[in-house]
């Protein structure tokens, strides 16, 4: 049951990263990636503390569940980074970056102003 905490940031990234690329939500894609990454760290620490609590409660001295948690956490962090990279590439290939369009319009306005000074 507690493994769900480790999977939540990946699910968040998949769902809301797709929505951020499509422009369905106001959050930017990089904000979604940061939230996913930091929540992965926070949920791993929280899960670690939960497992330690249950191990102490049951008077169990074996730390193998903690080793398993760290390995699973590293695996899901790697999968999270791969998902972020794939979504980033999709955004660059098919996304319409409104920010880039605004910057291009600003550059055109500046270029037009510079042409008048040359005459």
C-alpha atoms as a PDB file:
ATOM      1  CA  UNK A   1       0.000   0.000   0.000  1.00  0.00           C
ATOM      2  CA  UNK A   2       2.808   2.415   0.801  1.00  0.00           C
ATOM      3  CA  UNK A   3       4.441   1.955  -2.581  1.00  0.00           C
ATOM      4  CA  UNK A   4       1.767   4.265  -3.985  1.00  0.00           C
ATOM      5  CA  UNK A   5       3.655   7.214  -2.487  1.00  0.00           C
ATOM      6  CA  UNK A   6       6.660   6.439  -4.681  1.00  0.00           C
ATOM      7  CA  UNK A   7       4.509   6.166  -7.826  1.00  0.00           C
ATOM      8  CA  UNK A   8       2.496   9.390  -7.280  1.00  0.00           C
ATOM      9  CA  UNK A   9       5.102  11.854  -8.649  1.00  0.00           C
ATOM     10  CA  UNK A  10       5.439   9.796 -11.838  1.00  0.00           C
ATOM     11  CA  UNK A  11       1.669   9.728 -12.310  1.00  0.00           C
ATOM     12  CA  UNK A  12       1.520  13.467 -11.603  1.00  0.00           C
ATOM     13  CA  UNK A  13       4.201  14.089 -14.231  1.00  0.00           C
ATOM     14  CA  UNK A  14       2.478  11.946 -16.846  1.00  0.00           C
ATOM     15  CA  UNK A  15      -0.957  13.499 -16.347  1.00  0.00           C
ATOM     16  CA  UNK A  16      -0.144  17.137 -15.686  1.00  0.00           C
ATOM     17  CA  UNK A  17       2.925  17.218 -17.933  1.00  0.00           C
ATOM     18  CA  UNK A  18       0.699  16.249 -20.835  1.00  0.00           C
ATOM     19  CA  UNK A  19      -1.807  18.944 -19.859  1.00  0.00           C
ATOM     20  CA  UNK A  20       0.950  21.566 -19.556  1.00  0.00           C
ATOM     21  CA  UNK A  21       2.262  20.693 -23.018  1.00  0.00           C
ATOM     22  CA  UNK A  22      -1.234  20.966 -24.466  1.00  0.00           C
ATOM     23  CA  UNK A  23      -1.887  24.270 -22.692  1.00  0.00           C
ATOM     24  CA  UNK A  24      -4.880  22.903 -20.790  1.00  0.00           C
ATOM     25  CA  UNK A  25      -3.611  24.259 -17.450  1.00  0.00           C
ATOM     26  CA  UNK A  26      -1.930  27.497 -16.412  1.00  0.00           C
ATOM     27  CA  UNK A  27       1.154  25.846 -14.913  1.00  0.00           C
ATOM     28  CA  UNK A  28       4.215  25.769 -17.147  1.00  0.00           C
ATOM     29  CA  UNK A  29       5.920  22.510 -18.065  1.00  0.00           C
ATOM     30  CA  UNK A  30       9.098  23.307 -16.129  1.00  0.00           C
ATOM     31  CA  UNK A  31       7.040  24.003 -13.000  1.00  0.00           C
ATOM     32  CA  UNK A  32       5.352  20.617 -13.332  1.00  0.00           C
ATOM     33  CA  UNK A  33       8.780  18.946 -13.651  1.00  0.00           C
ATOM     34  CA  UNK A  34      10.071  20.672 -10.526  1.00  0.00           C
ATOM     35  CA  UNK A  35       6.988  19.720  -8.541  1.00  0.00           C
ATOM     36  CA  UNK A  36       7.359  16.100  -9.652  1.00  0.00           C
ATOM     37  CA  UNK A  37      11.061  15.951  -8.817  1.00  0.00           C
ATOM     38  CA  UNK A  38      10.749  17.513  -5.351  1.00  0.00           C
ATOM     39  CA  UNK A  39       7.672  15.453  -4.497  1.00  0.00           C
ATOM     40  CA  UNK A  40       9.642  12.312  -5.457  1.00  0.00           C
ATOM     41  CA  UNK A  41      12.283  13.284  -2.894  1.00  0.00           C
ATOM     42  CA  UNK A  42       9.730  14.189  -0.210  1.00  0.00           C
ATOM     43  CA  UNK A  43       7.650  11.043  -0.712  1.00  0.00           C
ATOM     44  CA  UNK A  44      10.771   8.863  -0.579  1.00  0.00           C
ATOM     45  CA  UNK A  45      11.750  10.385   2.767  1.00  0.00           C
ATOM     46  CA  UNK A  46       8.189  10.017   4.044  1.00  0.00           C
ATOM     47  CA  UNK A  47       8.057   6.384   2.917  1.00  0.00           C
ATOM     48  CA  UNK A  48      11.432   5.734   4.566  1.00  0.00           C
ATOM     49  CA  UNK A  49      10.102   7.088   7.868  1.00  0.00           C
ATOM     50  CA  UNK A  50       6.928   4.981   7.585  1.00  0.00           C
ATOM     51  CA  UNK A  51       8.935   1.790   7.012  1.00  0.00           C
ATOM     52  CA  UNK A  52      11.263   2.607   9.927  1.00  0.00           C
ATOM     53  CA  UNK A  53       8.235   3.168  12.167  1.00  0.00           C
ATOM     54  CA  UNK A  54       6.692  -0.185  11.265  1.00  0.00           C
ATOM     55  CA  UNK A  55      10.016  -1.996  11.653  1.00  0.00           C
ATOM     56  CA  UNK A  56      10.470  -0.547  15.151  1.00  0.00           C
ATOM     57  CA  UNK A  57       6.852  -1.254  16.036  1.00  0.00           C
ATOM     58  CA  UNK A  58       7.257  -4.940  15.139  1.00  0.00           C
ATOM     59  CA  UNK A  59      10.692  -5.211  16.826  1.00  0.00           C
ATOM     60  CA  UNK A  60      12.269  -6.149  13.517  1.00  0.00           C
ATOM     61  CA  UNK A  61      16.005  -5.448  13.210  1.00  0.00           C
ATOM     62  CA  UNK A  62      16.291  -6.297   9.519  1.00  0.00           C
ATOM     63  CA  UNK A  63      16.890  -3.317   7.264  1.00  0.00           C
ATOM     64  CA  UNK A  64      16.276  -5.072   3.953  1.00  0.00           C
ATOM     65  CA  UNK A  65      12.932  -3.307   3.350  1.00  0.00           C
ATOM     66  CA  UNK A  66      14.837  -0.012   3.480  1.00  0.00           C
ATOM     67  CA  UNK A  67      17.321  -1.250   0.884  1.00  0.00           C
ATOM     68  CA  UNK A  68      14.412  -2.290  -1.317  1.00  0.00           C
ATOM     69  CA  UNK A  69      12.783   1.106  -0.855  1.00  0.00           C
ATOM     70  CA  UNK A  70      15.932   2.913  -1.930  1.00  0.00           C
ATOM     71  CA  UNK A  71      16.288   0.737  -5.028  1.00  0.00           C
ATOM     72  CA  UNK A  72      12.643   1.156  -6.011  1.00  0.00           C
ATOM     73  CA  UNK A  73      12.885   4.897  -5.380  1.00  0.00           C
ATOM     74  CA  UNK A  74      15.949   5.158  -7.620  1.00  0.00           C
ATOM     75  CA  UNK A  75      14.167   3.155 -10.318  1.00  0.00           C
ATOM     76  CA  UNK A  76      11.092   5.382 -10.242  1.00  0.00           C
ATOM     77  CA  UNK A  77      13.263   8.515 -10.187  1.00  0.00           C
ATOM     78  CA  UNK A  78      15.020   7.280 -13.329  1.00  0.00           C
ATOM     79  CA  UNK A  79      11.662   6.549 -14.959  1.00  0.00           C
ATOM     80  CA  UNK A  80      10.509  10.037 -13.925  1.00  0.00           C
ATOM     81  CA  UNK A  81      13.528  11.652 -15.609  1.00  0.00           C
ATOM     82  CA  UNK A  82      12.968   9.596 -18.759  1.00  0.00           C
ATOM     83  CA  UNK A  83       9.308  10.667 -18.790  1.00  0.00           C
ATOM     84  CA  UNK A  84      10.311  14.314 -18.343  1.00  0.00           C
ATOM     85  CA  UNK A  85      12.807  14.045 -21.203  1.00  0.00           C
ATOM     86  CA  UNK A  86      10.289  12.424 -23.539  1.00  0.00           C
ATOM     87  CA  UNK A  87       7.653  15.032 -22.704  1.00  0.00           C
ATOM     88  CA  UNK A  88      10.210  17.802 -23.206  1.00  0.00           C
ATOM     89  CA  UNK A  89      11.085  16.446 -26.661  1.00  0.00           C
ATOM     90  CA  UNK A  90       7.380  16.217 -27.532  1.00  0.00           C
ATOM     91  CA  UNK A  91       6.926  19.802 -26.396  1.00  0.00           C
ATOM     92  CA  UNK A  92       9.810  20.962 -28.587  1.00  0.00           C
ATOM     93  CA  UNK A  93       8.613  18.994 -31.619  1.00  0.00           C
ATOM     94  CA  UNK A  94       4.889  19.689 -31.549  1.00  0.00           C
ATOM     95  CA  UNK A  95       4.337  22.395 -28.972  1.00  0.00           C
ATOM     96  CA  UNK A  96       3.568  25.960 -29.905  1.00  0.00           C
ATOM     97  CA  UNK A  97       5.730  27.968 -27.541  1.00  0.00           C
ATOM     98  CA  UNK A  98       3.805  31.179 -27.005  1.00  0.00           C
ATOM     99  CA  UNK A  99       6.733  32.628 -25.082  1.00  0.00           C
ATOM    100  CA  UNK A 100       9.040  32.140 -28.074  1.00  0.00           C
ATOM    101  CA  UNK A 101       6.492  33.798 -30.352  1.00  0.00           C
ATOM    102  CA  UNK A 102       6.271  36.803 -28.016  1.00  0.00           C
ATOM    103  CA  UNK A 103      10.075  37.104 -27.939  1.00  0.00           C
ATOM    104  CA  UNK A 104      10.193  36.893 -31.756  1.00  0.00           C
ATOM    105  CA  UNK A 105       7.648  39.728 -32.018  1.00  0.00           C
ATOM    106  CA  UNK A 106       9.710  41.835 -29.599  1.00  0.00           C
ATOM    107  CA  UNK A 107      12.824  41.209 -31.713  1.00  0.00           C
ATOM    108  CA  UNK A 108      10.959  42.300 -34.869  1.00  0.00           C
ATOM    109  CA  UNK A 109       9.860  45.506 -33.171  1.00  0.00           C
ATOM    110  CA  UNK A 110      13.430  46.237 -32.042  1.00  0.00           C
ATOM    111  CA  UNK A 111      14.775  45.509 -35.541  1.00  0.00           C
ATOM    112  CA  UNK A 112      12.219  47.860 -37.061  1.00  0.00           C
ATOM    113  CA  UNK A 113      13.272  50.627 -34.661  1.00  0.00           C
ATOM    114  CA  UNK A 114      16.942  50.126 -35.577  1.00  0.00           C
ATOM    115  CA  UNK A 115      16.213  50.382 -39.323  1.00  0.00           C
ATOM    116  CA  UNK A 116      14.718  53.858 -38.891  1.00  0.00           C
ATOM    117  CA  UNK A 117      17.870  55.080 -37.136  1.00  0.00           C
ATOM    118  CA  UNK A 118      20.052  54.063 -40.103  1.00  0.00           C
ATOM    119  CA  UNK A 119      18.317  56.405 -42.582  1.00  0.00           C
END
